[in-house]
N, C-alpha and C. Protein backbone atom coordinates (compact mmCIF):
# COMPACT_ATOMS: atom_id res chain seq x y z
N MET A 1 -48.84 -19.43 49.82
CA MET A 1 -48.29 -19.10 50.95
C MET A 1 -48.18 -17.23 51.37
N ASN A 2 -48.41 -17.05 52.45
CA ASN A 2 -48.26 -15.74 52.78
C ASN A 2 -46.62 -15.27 53.10
N ASP A 3 -46.49 -14.11 53.23
CA ASP A 3 -44.95 -13.55 53.44
C ASP A 3 -44.32 -14.17 54.67
N GLY A 4 -45.20 -14.17 55.73
CA GLY A 4 -44.54 -14.90 56.86
C GLY A 4 -44.20 -16.20 56.82
N ALA A 5 -45.01 -17.04 56.31
CA ALA A 5 -44.55 -18.40 55.91
C ALA A 5 -43.32 -18.54 55.08
N LEU A 6 -43.23 -17.70 53.91
CA LEU A 6 -41.93 -17.64 53.32
C LEU A 6 -40.75 -17.45 54.30
N LEU A 7 -40.66 -16.61 55.02
CA LEU A 7 -39.62 -16.30 55.85
C LEU A 7 -39.39 -17.42 56.90
N ALA A 8 -40.46 -18.03 57.53
CA ALA A 8 -40.26 -19.08 58.57
C ALA A 8 -39.65 -20.16 57.92
N VAL A 9 -39.83 -20.51 56.65
CA VAL A 9 -39.14 -21.80 55.92
C VAL A 9 -37.76 -21.50 55.90
N GLN A 10 -37.22 -20.21 56.03
CA GLN A 10 -35.84 -19.92 55.80
C GLN A 10 -35.25 -19.28 56.98
N ALA A 11 -35.83 -19.47 58.22
CA ALA A 11 -35.61 -18.71 59.39
C ALA A 11 -34.09 -19.21 59.96
N SER A 12 -33.74 -20.53 59.72
CA SER A 12 -32.46 -21.06 60.26
C SER A 12 -31.50 -20.50 59.29
N ARG A 13 -31.71 -20.11 58.07
CA ARG A 13 -30.57 -19.51 57.38
C ARG A 13 -30.40 -17.99 57.41
N LEU A 14 -31.55 -17.39 57.89
CA LEU A 14 -31.55 -15.76 57.85
C LEU A 14 -31.49 -15.40 59.37
N CYS A 15 -31.49 -16.22 60.24
CA CYS A 15 -31.44 -15.76 61.83
C CYS A 15 -30.29 -16.47 62.34
N THR A 16 -28.98 -16.19 62.23
CA THR A 16 -28.03 -16.96 62.63
C THR A 16 -27.37 -16.40 63.91
N VAL A 17 -26.55 -16.95 64.69
CA VAL A 17 -26.08 -16.46 65.96
C VAL A 17 -25.11 -15.45 65.45
N ARG A 18 -24.26 -15.61 64.50
CA ARG A 18 -23.35 -14.66 64.06
C ARG A 18 -23.91 -13.31 63.72
N GLN A 19 -25.07 -13.46 62.93
CA GLN A 19 -25.86 -12.39 62.45
C GLN A 19 -26.40 -11.64 63.77
N ALA A 20 -26.75 -12.29 64.72
CA ALA A 20 -27.21 -11.73 65.89
C ALA A 20 -26.26 -10.93 66.54
N ARG A 21 -24.87 -11.47 66.65
CA ARG A 21 -23.93 -10.89 67.45
C ARG A 21 -23.38 -9.63 66.57
N ILE A 22 -23.65 -9.54 65.36
CA ILE A 22 -23.03 -8.37 64.44
C ILE A 22 -24.24 -7.40 64.74
N GLN A 23 -25.35 -7.54 64.82
CA GLN A 23 -26.48 -6.70 64.93
C GLN A 23 -26.48 -6.03 66.44
N LEU A 24 -26.19 -7.05 67.36
CA LEU A 24 -26.01 -6.47 68.82
C LEU A 24 -24.90 -5.48 68.97
N ALA A 25 -23.68 -5.90 68.15
CA ALA A 25 -22.59 -4.80 68.23
C ALA A 25 -22.86 -3.63 67.70
N VAL A 26 -23.25 -3.47 66.68
CA VAL A 26 -23.74 -2.38 65.67
C VAL A 26 -24.67 -1.37 66.78
N VAL A 27 -25.81 -2.11 67.30
CA VAL A 27 -26.63 -1.40 68.04
C VAL A 27 -25.91 -0.91 69.32
N LEU A 28 -25.06 -1.67 70.02
CA LEU A 28 -24.52 -1.31 71.23
C LEU A 28 -23.42 -0.09 70.98
N THR A 29 -22.76 -0.03 70.00
CA THR A 29 -21.78 0.73 69.40
C THR A 29 -22.47 2.22 69.18
N PHE A 30 -23.51 2.17 68.49
CA PHE A 30 -24.42 3.37 68.08
C PHE A 30 -24.72 4.04 69.57
N ALA A 31 -25.56 3.15 70.45
CA ALA A 31 -25.89 3.67 71.57
C ALA A 31 -24.92 4.31 72.40
N VAL A 32 -23.71 3.76 72.52
CA VAL A 32 -22.65 4.22 73.39
C VAL A 32 -22.23 5.49 72.84
N LEU A 33 -21.95 5.55 71.47
CA LEU A 33 -21.49 6.80 70.93
C LEU A 33 -22.50 7.98 70.99
N TYR A 34 -23.77 7.46 70.86
CA TYR A 34 -24.62 8.60 70.86
C TYR A 34 -24.84 9.15 72.34
N ASN A 35 -24.87 8.28 73.22
CA ASN A 35 -25.05 8.68 74.69
C ASN A 35 -23.95 9.20 75.28
N ALA A 36 -22.53 8.90 74.93
CA ALA A 36 -21.42 9.50 75.51
C ALA A 36 -21.54 10.82 75.98
N PRO A 37 -21.93 11.74 75.03
CA PRO A 37 -21.90 13.20 75.49
C PRO A 37 -22.78 13.50 76.77
N LYS A 38 -23.70 12.60 76.96
CA LYS A 38 -24.62 12.98 77.94
C LYS A 38 -23.90 12.92 79.38
N PHE A 39 -22.76 12.15 79.54
CA PHE A 39 -22.02 12.07 80.63
C PHE A 39 -21.32 13.43 81.12
N ALA A 40 -20.88 14.09 79.91
CA ALA A 40 -20.18 15.34 80.30
C ALA A 40 -21.20 16.66 80.43
N GLU A 41 -22.48 16.31 80.41
CA GLU A 41 -23.58 17.49 80.56
C GLU A 41 -23.62 17.91 82.21
N VAL A 42 -23.57 16.95 83.01
CA VAL A 42 -23.72 17.17 84.43
C VAL A 42 -22.49 16.76 85.37
N ARG A 43 -22.44 17.40 86.42
CA ARG A 43 -21.46 17.07 87.35
C ARG A 43 -22.27 16.82 88.79
N ILE A 44 -21.75 15.94 89.54
CA ILE A 44 -22.38 15.70 90.91
C ILE A 44 -21.42 16.35 91.83
N LEU A 45 -21.99 17.30 92.46
CA LEU A 45 -21.31 17.89 93.42
C LEU A 45 -21.76 17.64 94.96
N LEU A 46 -20.87 17.55 95.77
CA LEU A 46 -21.03 17.33 97.31
C LEU A 46 -21.37 18.90 97.91
N ASP A 47 -22.54 18.86 98.54
CA ASP A 47 -23.00 20.24 99.14
C ASP A 47 -23.13 19.91 100.59
N VAL A 48 -22.52 20.54 101.54
CA VAL A 48 -22.52 20.21 102.89
C VAL A 48 -23.12 21.47 103.62
N ASP A 49 -24.20 21.24 104.39
CA ASP A 49 -25.04 22.17 105.15
C ASP A 49 -24.54 22.23 106.64
N LYS A 50 -23.71 23.23 106.85
CA LYS A 50 -22.99 23.31 108.29
C LYS A 50 -24.12 23.52 109.36
N ALA A 51 -25.26 24.08 109.10
CA ALA A 51 -26.25 24.34 110.12
C ALA A 51 -26.81 23.17 110.68
N ASP A 52 -27.19 22.26 110.00
CA ASP A 52 -27.59 20.89 110.39
C ASP A 52 -26.84 19.59 110.17
N ASN A 53 -25.63 19.85 109.55
CA ASN A 53 -24.55 18.86 109.60
C ASN A 53 -25.04 17.76 108.55
N SER A 54 -25.61 18.30 107.44
CA SER A 54 -26.34 17.36 106.61
C SER A 54 -25.51 17.54 105.14
N THR A 55 -25.45 16.35 104.47
CA THR A 55 -24.66 16.33 103.18
C THR A 55 -25.40 15.91 102.23
N TRP A 56 -25.47 16.89 100.96
CA TRP A 56 -26.27 16.38 99.80
C TRP A 56 -25.49 16.27 98.37
N LEU A 57 -25.90 15.41 97.73
CA LEU A 57 -25.50 15.27 96.33
C LEU A 57 -26.21 16.26 95.32
N VAL A 58 -25.55 17.06 94.79
CA VAL A 58 -26.14 18.10 93.98
C VAL A 58 -25.89 17.94 92.57
N PRO A 59 -26.73 17.62 91.52
CA PRO A 59 -26.33 17.88 90.12
C PRO A 59 -26.32 19.26 89.61
N LYS A 60 -25.16 19.54 89.08
CA LYS A 60 -24.97 20.87 88.36
C LYS A 60 -24.58 20.71 86.83
N HIS A 61 -25.12 21.56 86.08
CA HIS A 61 -24.75 21.62 84.66
C HIS A 61 -23.30 21.97 84.65
N THR A 62 -22.57 21.45 83.60
CA THR A 62 -21.33 21.84 83.22
C THR A 62 -21.36 22.79 82.19
N PRO A 63 -20.44 23.68 81.58
CA PRO A 63 -20.46 24.64 80.53
C PRO A 63 -21.10 23.83 79.26
N LEU A 64 -20.60 22.65 79.19
CA LEU A 64 -21.41 21.80 77.84
C LEU A 64 -22.86 21.82 78.06
N GLY A 65 -23.20 21.31 79.28
CA GLY A 65 -24.67 21.26 79.28
C GLY A 65 -25.46 22.51 79.16
N GLU A 66 -24.89 23.55 79.79
CA GLU A 66 -25.61 24.89 79.82
C GLU A 66 -25.36 25.62 78.15
N SER A 67 -24.58 24.97 77.40
CA SER A 67 -24.42 25.57 75.96
C SER A 67 -25.58 25.51 75.18
N HIS A 68 -25.96 26.61 74.68
CA HIS A 68 -27.25 26.49 73.72
C HIS A 68 -26.88 26.10 72.47
N LEU A 69 -25.72 26.21 71.78
CA LEU A 69 -25.34 25.43 70.68
C LEU A 69 -25.25 23.91 70.90
N TYR A 70 -24.75 23.43 71.83
CA TYR A 70 -24.72 22.05 72.06
C TYR A 70 -26.07 21.48 72.22
N SER A 71 -27.09 22.20 72.89
CA SER A 71 -28.39 21.82 73.15
C SER A 71 -29.13 21.52 71.78
N VAL A 72 -28.90 22.71 70.95
CA VAL A 72 -29.46 22.71 69.52
C VAL A 72 -28.84 21.44 68.67
N VAL A 73 -27.67 21.25 68.62
CA VAL A 73 -26.93 20.46 67.73
C VAL A 73 -27.25 18.88 68.26
N TYR A 74 -26.99 18.63 69.40
CA TYR A 74 -27.04 17.39 69.94
C TYR A 74 -28.48 16.92 70.11
N CYS A 75 -29.42 17.74 70.89
CA CYS A 75 -30.74 17.22 71.18
C CYS A 75 -31.51 17.28 69.98
N ASN A 76 -31.38 18.13 69.09
CA ASN A 76 -32.31 18.41 67.97
C ASN A 76 -31.67 17.62 66.59
N VAL A 77 -30.74 18.22 66.18
CA VAL A 77 -29.97 17.81 64.96
C VAL A 77 -29.63 16.33 64.94
N PHE A 78 -28.76 15.92 65.89
CA PHE A 78 -28.15 14.46 66.08
C PHE A 78 -29.36 13.52 66.29
N TYR A 79 -30.37 13.90 67.19
CA TYR A 79 -31.60 13.09 67.49
C TYR A 79 -32.41 12.57 66.36
N THR A 80 -32.68 13.78 65.50
CA THR A 80 -33.08 13.60 64.31
C THR A 80 -32.40 12.79 63.30
N LEU A 81 -31.33 12.94 62.94
CA LEU A 81 -30.45 12.20 62.25
C LEU A 81 -30.43 10.75 62.62
N PHE A 82 -30.25 10.50 64.05
CA PHE A 82 -30.16 9.18 64.60
C PHE A 82 -31.43 8.38 64.31
N MET A 83 -32.54 8.94 64.57
CA MET A 83 -33.78 8.28 64.31
C MET A 83 -33.88 7.96 62.91
N LEU A 84 -33.66 8.99 61.86
CA LEU A 84 -33.77 8.81 60.72
C LEU A 84 -32.85 7.65 60.04
N VAL A 85 -31.70 7.75 60.40
CA VAL A 85 -30.91 6.49 60.19
C VAL A 85 -31.29 5.00 60.56
N CYS A 86 -31.66 5.21 61.92
CA CYS A 86 -32.16 3.62 62.52
C CYS A 86 -33.46 3.31 61.77
N ASN A 87 -34.36 4.24 61.57
CA ASN A 87 -35.48 3.93 60.79
C ASN A 87 -35.26 3.38 59.31
N CYS A 88 -34.43 4.21 58.81
CA CYS A 88 -34.32 3.68 57.24
C CYS A 88 -33.42 2.29 57.18
N SER A 89 -32.62 2.15 57.95
CA SER A 89 -31.66 1.03 57.98
C SER A 89 -32.48 -0.25 58.55
N SER A 90 -33.37 0.04 59.24
CA SER A 90 -34.31 -1.12 59.79
C SER A 90 -35.12 -1.56 58.98
N THR A 91 -35.72 -0.64 58.24
CA THR A 91 -36.66 -0.76 56.95
C THR A 91 -36.08 -1.30 55.87
N ALA A 92 -34.85 -0.96 55.67
CA ALA A 92 -34.31 -1.52 54.25
C ALA A 92 -33.75 -3.01 54.62
N GLU A 93 -33.20 -3.15 55.99
CA GLU A 93 -32.90 -4.57 56.23
C GLU A 93 -33.94 -5.54 56.30
N SER A 94 -35.17 -5.14 56.88
CA SER A 94 -36.25 -6.04 56.70
C SER A 94 -36.56 -6.32 55.31
N ARG A 95 -36.66 -5.38 54.51
CA ARG A 95 -37.02 -5.61 53.11
C ARG A 95 -35.97 -6.70 52.39
N LEU A 96 -34.64 -6.31 52.85
CA LEU A 96 -33.52 -7.21 52.14
C LEU A 96 -33.86 -8.67 52.57
N THR A 97 -34.15 -8.88 54.02
CA THR A 97 -34.44 -10.25 54.72
C THR A 97 -35.50 -10.62 53.90
N PHE A 98 -36.68 -10.02 53.77
CA PHE A 98 -37.73 -10.58 53.06
C PHE A 98 -37.55 -11.11 51.67
N TRP A 99 -36.88 -10.26 50.87
CA TRP A 99 -36.73 -10.60 49.52
C TRP A 99 -35.64 -11.78 49.28
N THR A 100 -34.58 -11.78 50.44
CA THR A 100 -33.69 -12.94 50.20
C THR A 100 -34.44 -14.03 50.61
N GLY A 101 -35.39 -13.99 51.65
CA GLY A 101 -36.12 -15.33 52.10
C GLY A 101 -37.07 -15.80 50.98
N ALA A 102 -37.42 -14.89 50.38
CA ALA A 102 -38.56 -15.20 49.14
C ALA A 102 -37.77 -15.82 47.98
N GLU A 103 -36.71 -15.20 47.66
CA GLU A 103 -35.75 -15.67 46.60
C GLU A 103 -35.50 -17.11 47.03
N LEU A 104 -35.00 -17.40 48.01
CA LEU A 104 -34.55 -18.65 48.60
C LEU A 104 -35.57 -19.80 48.55
N THR A 105 -36.73 -19.28 49.00
CA THR A 105 -37.78 -20.08 49.07
C THR A 105 -38.44 -20.49 47.69
N MET A 106 -38.61 -19.43 46.87
CA MET A 106 -38.96 -19.74 45.43
C MET A 106 -38.06 -20.61 44.69
N GLY A 107 -36.68 -20.48 44.94
CA GLY A 107 -35.70 -21.25 44.31
C GLY A 107 -35.83 -22.65 44.63
N HIS A 108 -36.23 -22.76 45.98
CA HIS A 108 -36.39 -24.34 46.66
C HIS A 108 -37.48 -24.98 46.03
N ILE A 109 -38.53 -24.04 45.86
CA ILE A 109 -39.68 -24.81 45.34
C ILE A 109 -39.60 -24.97 43.87
N LEU A 110 -39.03 -24.18 43.13
CA LEU A 110 -38.88 -24.49 41.77
C LEU A 110 -38.02 -25.48 41.35
């Protein structure tokens, strides 16, 4: 049997609704926490042109959005760490799931 067939045999044990909810909650929490500072970067201002009586919504950077330190730390350092943690955790989890499925399948066969 190939590796995919081993996991397919134990799919009902490895892929549960509870496990999917936990994974969704973790991903959603990290996404909200990671993107929360983005909402403080820009403000929307109302710009009125009295010459032709028109109104415009204009995005303007806040002091946080203009900060060089924020740009370096958030956009570079946090992004790199976030991608590193996501990649390593997903790789580790897939290996763990594979080995758990293989052990369960081999134990069932023997």
